[in-house]
C-alpha atoms as a PDB file:
ATOM      1  CA  MET A   1     -63.869  15.099   7.689  1.00  0.00           C
ATOM      2  CA  ALA A   2     -64.578  17.316  10.636  1.00  0.00           C
ATOM      3  CA  ASN A   3     -67.010  15.000  12.531  1.00  0.00           C
ATOM      4  CA  SER A   4     -65.306  13.435  15.549  1.00  0.00           C
ATOM      5  CA  ALA A   5     -67.726  10.455  15.519  1.00  0.00           C
ATOM      6  CA  ILE A   6     -66.785   9.609  11.933  1.00  0.00           C
ATOM      7  CA  GLN A   7     -63.071   9.861  12.755  1.00  0.00           C
ATOM      8  CA  ARG A   8     -63.546   7.613  15.800  1.00  0.00           C
ATOM      9  CA  TYR A   9     -65.522   5.117  13.687  1.00  0.00           C
ATOM     10  CA  LEU A  10     -62.775   4.946  11.058  1.00  0.00           C
ATOM     11  CA  GLU A  11     -60.261   4.389  13.780  1.00  0.00           C
ATOM     12  CA  HIS A  12     -62.399   1.649  15.226  1.00  0.00           C
ATOM     13  CA  LEU A  13     -62.472  -0.039  11.782  1.00  0.00           C
ATOM     14  CA  ARG A  14     -58.692   0.304  11.334  1.00  0.00           C
ATOM     15  CA  VAL A  15     -57.581  -0.706  14.838  1.00  0.00           C
ATOM     16  CA  GLU A  16     -60.293  -2.976  16.354  1.00  0.00           C
ATOM     17  CA  ARG A  17     -61.861  -4.517  13.204  1.00  0.00           C
ATOM     18  CA  ARG A  18     -58.566  -4.457  11.258  1.00  0.00           C
ATOM     19  CA  VAL A  19     -60.293  -3.814   7.950  1.00  0.00           C
ATOM     20  CA  SER A  20     -58.086  -3.627   4.835  1.00  0.00           C
ATOM     21  CA  ALA A  21     -56.776  -0.296   3.600  1.00  0.00           C
ATOM     22  CA  HIS A  22     -59.094  -0.581   0.662  1.00  0.00           C
ATOM     23  CA  THR A  23     -62.171  -1.235   2.876  1.00  0.00           C
ATOM     24  CA  LEU A  24     -61.091   1.665   5.151  1.00  0.00           C
ATOM     25  CA  ALA A  25     -60.874   3.959   2.152  1.00  0.00           C
ATOM     26  CA  ALA A  26     -64.256   2.943   0.816  1.00  0.00           C
ATOM     27  CA  TYR A  27     -65.847   3.665   4.253  1.00  0.00           C
ATOM     28  CA  GLY A  28     -63.989   6.885   4.452  1.00  0.00           C
ATOM     29  CA  ASP A  29     -65.346   7.951   1.060  1.00  0.00           C
ATOM     30  CA  ALA A  30     -68.871   6.936   1.926  1.00  0.00           C
ATOM     31  CA  LEU A  31     -68.822   8.875   5.236  1.00  0.00           C
ATOM     32  CA  ALA A  32     -67.369  11.884   3.505  1.00  0.00           C
ATOM     33  CA  ARG A  33     -70.229  11.818   1.020  1.00  0.00           C
ATOM     34  CA  LEU A  34     -72.670  11.620   3.943  1.00  0.00           C
ATOM     35  CA  GLU A  35     -71.165  14.432   5.787  1.00  0.00           C
ATOM     36  CA  LYS A  36     -71.126  16.570   2.667  1.00  0.00           C
ATOM     37  CA  LEU A  37     -74.698  15.811   1.733  1.00  0.00           C
ATOM     38  CA  ALA A  38     -75.771  16.468   5.364  1.00  0.00           C
ATOM     39  CA  ASP A  39     -73.956  19.786   5.390  1.00  0.00           C
ATOM     40  CA  GLU A  40     -75.597  20.808   2.130  1.00  0.00           C
ATOM     41  CA  ALA A  41     -78.913  19.891   3.630  1.00  0.00           C
ATOM     42  CA  GLN A  42     -77.959  21.883   6.753  1.00  0.00           C
ATOM     43  CA  ARG A  43     -78.693  18.834   8.932  1.00  0.00           C
ATOM     44  CA  PRO A  44     -76.401  17.407  11.588  1.00  0.00           C
ATOM     45  CA  LEU A  45     -75.753  13.679  11.209  1.00  0.00           C
ATOM     46  CA  ASP A  46     -77.822  12.861  14.273  1.00  0.00           C
ATOM     47  CA  LYS A  47     -80.851  14.649  12.894  1.00  0.00           C
ATOM     48  CA  LEU A  48     -81.182  12.954   9.498  1.00  0.00           C
ATOM     49  CA  GLN A  49     -84.376  11.292   8.598  1.00  0.00           C
ATOM     50  CA  GLY A  50     -85.356   8.609   6.078  1.00  0.00           C
ATOM     51  CA  ALA A  51     -86.418  11.222   3.601  1.00  0.00           C
ATOM     52  CA  HIS A  52     -82.980  12.702   3.668  1.00  0.00           C
ATOM     53  CA  ILE A  53     -81.295   9.413   2.997  1.00  0.00           C
ATOM     54  CA  GLN A  54     -83.564   8.739   0.157  1.00  0.00           C
ATOM     55  CA  ARG A  55     -82.837  12.166  -1.294  1.00  0.00           C
ATOM     56  CA  PHE A  56     -79.109  11.615  -0.827  1.00  0.00           C
ATOM     57  CA  ALA A  57     -79.268   8.247  -2.626  1.00  0.00           C
ATOM     58  CA  ALA A  58     -81.044   9.997  -5.540  1.00  0.00           C
ATOM     59  CA  GLN A  59     -78.363  12.747  -5.570  1.00  0.00           C
ATOM     60  CA  LEU A  60     -75.683  10.116  -5.651  1.00  0.00           C
ATOM     61  CA  HIS A  61     -77.408   8.457  -8.613  1.00  0.00           C
ATOM     62  CA  GLY A  62     -77.761  11.868 -10.292  1.00  0.00           C
ATOM     63  CA  ALA A  63     -74.012  12.379  -9.910  1.00  0.00           C
ATOM     64  CA  GLY A  64     -73.348   9.133 -11.829  1.00  0.00           C
ATOM     65  CA  LEU A  65     -72.932   6.541  -9.128  1.00  0.00           C
ATOM     66  CA  GLY A  66     -74.317   3.136 -10.161  1.00  0.00           C
ATOM     67  CA  ALA A  67     -76.724   1.101  -7.983  1.00  0.00           C
ATOM     68  CA  ARG A  68     -74.090  -1.122  -6.617  1.00  0.00           C
ATOM     69  CA  SER A  69     -71.870   1.852  -5.539  1.00  0.00           C
ATOM     70  CA  ILE A  70     -74.909   3.495  -3.906  1.00  0.00           C
ATOM     71  CA  ALA A  71     -75.770   0.224  -2.106  1.00  0.00           C
ATOM     72  CA  LEU A  72     -72.189   0.026  -0.774  1.00  0.00           C
ATOM     73  CA  THR A  73     -72.324   3.680   0.295  1.00  0.00           C
ATOM     74  CA  LEU A  74     -75.619   3.076   2.098  1.00  0.00           C
ATOM     75  CA  SER A  75     -74.167   0.081   3.773  1.00  0.00           C
ATOM     76  CA  GLY A  76     -71.317   2.144   5.042  1.00  0.00           C
ATOM     77  CA  TRP A  77     -73.651   4.709   6.447  1.00  0.00           C
ATOM     78  CA  ARG A  78     -75.755   2.034   8.183  1.00  0.00           C
ATOM     79  CA  GLY A  79     -72.582   0.515   9.725  1.00  0.00           C
ATOM     80  CA  PHE A  80     -71.532   3.953  10.997  1.00  0.00           C
ATOM     81  CA  TYR A  81     -74.923   4.636  12.593  1.00  0.00           C
ATOM     82  CA  ARG A  82     -75.098   1.226  14.129  1.00  0.00           C
ATOM     83  CA  TRP A  83     -71.676   1.690  15.662  1.00  0.00           C
ATOM     84  CA  TRP A  84     -72.336   5.226  16.800  1.00  0.00           C
ATOM     85  CA  SER A  85     -75.619   4.227  18.438  1.00  0.00           C
ATOM     86  CA  LEU A  86     -73.746   1.696  20.580  1.00  0.00           C
ATOM     87  CA  GLN A  87     -71.004   4.027  21.950  1.00  0.00           C
ATOM     88  CA  SER A  88     -71.854   4.619  25.567  1.00  0.00           C
ATOM     89  CA  ASP A  89     -69.170   7.408  25.904  1.00  0.00           C
ATOM     90  CA  ALA A  90     -70.131   9.236  22.838  1.00  0.00           C
ATOM     91  CA  ALA A  91     -72.015  12.190  24.220  1.00  0.00           C
ATOM     92  CA  ASP A  92     -72.701  13.559  20.698  1.00  0.00           C
ATOM     93  CA  ALA A  93     -74.276  10.237  19.631  1.00  0.00           C
ATOM     94  CA  MET A  94     -77.563  11.044  21.328  1.00  0.00           C
ATOM     95  CA  TRP A  95     -78.468   7.467  21.920  1.00  0.00           C
ATOM     96  CA  ALA A  96     -78.140   6.011  25.426  1.00  0.00           C
ATOM     97  CA  SER A  97     -79.647   2.621  24.771  1.00  0.00           C
ATOM     98  CA  ARG A  98     -80.738   0.220  22.038  1.00  0.00           C
ATOM     99  CA  ASP A  99     -84.306   1.104  22.807  1.00  0.00           C
ATOM    100  CA  GLN A 100     -83.725   4.573  21.583  1.00  0.00           C
ATOM    101  CA  LEU A 101     -82.277   3.570  18.167  1.00  0.00           C
ATOM    102  CA  HIS A 102     -85.607   3.818  16.358  1.00  0.00           C
ATOM    103  CA  GLU A 103     -86.566   7.203  18.043  1.00  0.00           C
ATOM    104  CA  TYR A 104     -83.234   8.864  17.179  1.00  0.00           C
ATOM    105  CA  GLY A 105     -82.570   7.724  13.660  1.00  0.00           C
ATOM    106  CA  LEU A 106     -80.976   4.334  13.149  1.00  0.00           C
ATOM    107  CA  HIS A 107     -84.203   3.049  11.716  1.00  0.00           C
ATOM    108  CA  VAL A 108     -83.797   5.277   8.726  1.00  0.00           C
ATOM    109  CA  LEU A 109     -81.268   2.947   7.252  1.00  0.00           C
ATOM    110  CA  THR A 110     -83.272  -0.227   7.383  1.00  0.00           C
ATOM    111  CA  ARG A 111     -83.001  -2.500   4.363  1.00  0.00           C
ATOM    112  CA  ALA A 112     -86.557  -1.373   3.269  1.00  0.00           C
ATOM    113  CA  VAL A 113     -85.443   2.255   3.157  1.00  0.00           C
ATOM    114  CA  ILE A 114     -82.187   1.323   1.373  1.00  0.00           C
ATOM    115  CA  ASP A 115     -84.224  -0.650  -1.164  1.00  0.00           C
ATOM    116  CA  LYS A 116     -86.677   2.216  -1.675  1.00  0.00           C
ATOM    117  CA  ALA A 117     -83.826   4.720  -2.074  1.00  0.00           C
ATOM    118  CA  LEU A 118     -82.239   2.594  -4.741  1.00  0.00           C
ATOM    119  CA  ASP A 119     -85.500   2.088  -6.511  1.00  0.00           C
ATOM    120  CA  LEU A 120     -86.173   5.809  -6.464  1.00  0.00           C
ATOM    121  CA  ALA A 121     -82.656   6.613  -7.688  1.00  0.00           C
ATOM    122  CA  SER A 122     -82.899   4.148 -10.531  1.00  0.00           C
ATOM    123  CA  ARG A 123     -86.330   5.660 -11.552  1.00  0.00           C
ATOM    124  CA  ALA A 124     -84.740   9.139 -11.671  1.00  0.00           C
ATOM    125  CA  ALA A 125     -82.381   7.997 -14.415  1.00  0.00           C
END
């Protein structure tokens, strides 16, 4: 994972949140998938839109991931974006305040978008 924000988030989970090694590995896998899909779409992580997330979920389903695995992956992505948006010292995060979350992309991972992405992925099967 080349993205420094992802590396900092995983360190945050390990040190500050003290998640288990299994949980840390799951988040790492989810974020590696996100980074790979964003790279393939030629979009930086801070420029992803709801349509990208929905397409990514469909791609994960097409690759054989089940609905539960996709839901866990999307949950990991949402946690990362929530954390990233709250980092005041993260110049690459693009978000200076909670008021800007919607404008800059955290809204793409609302429960409704996750549900829609899972629904579209299951229909694609």
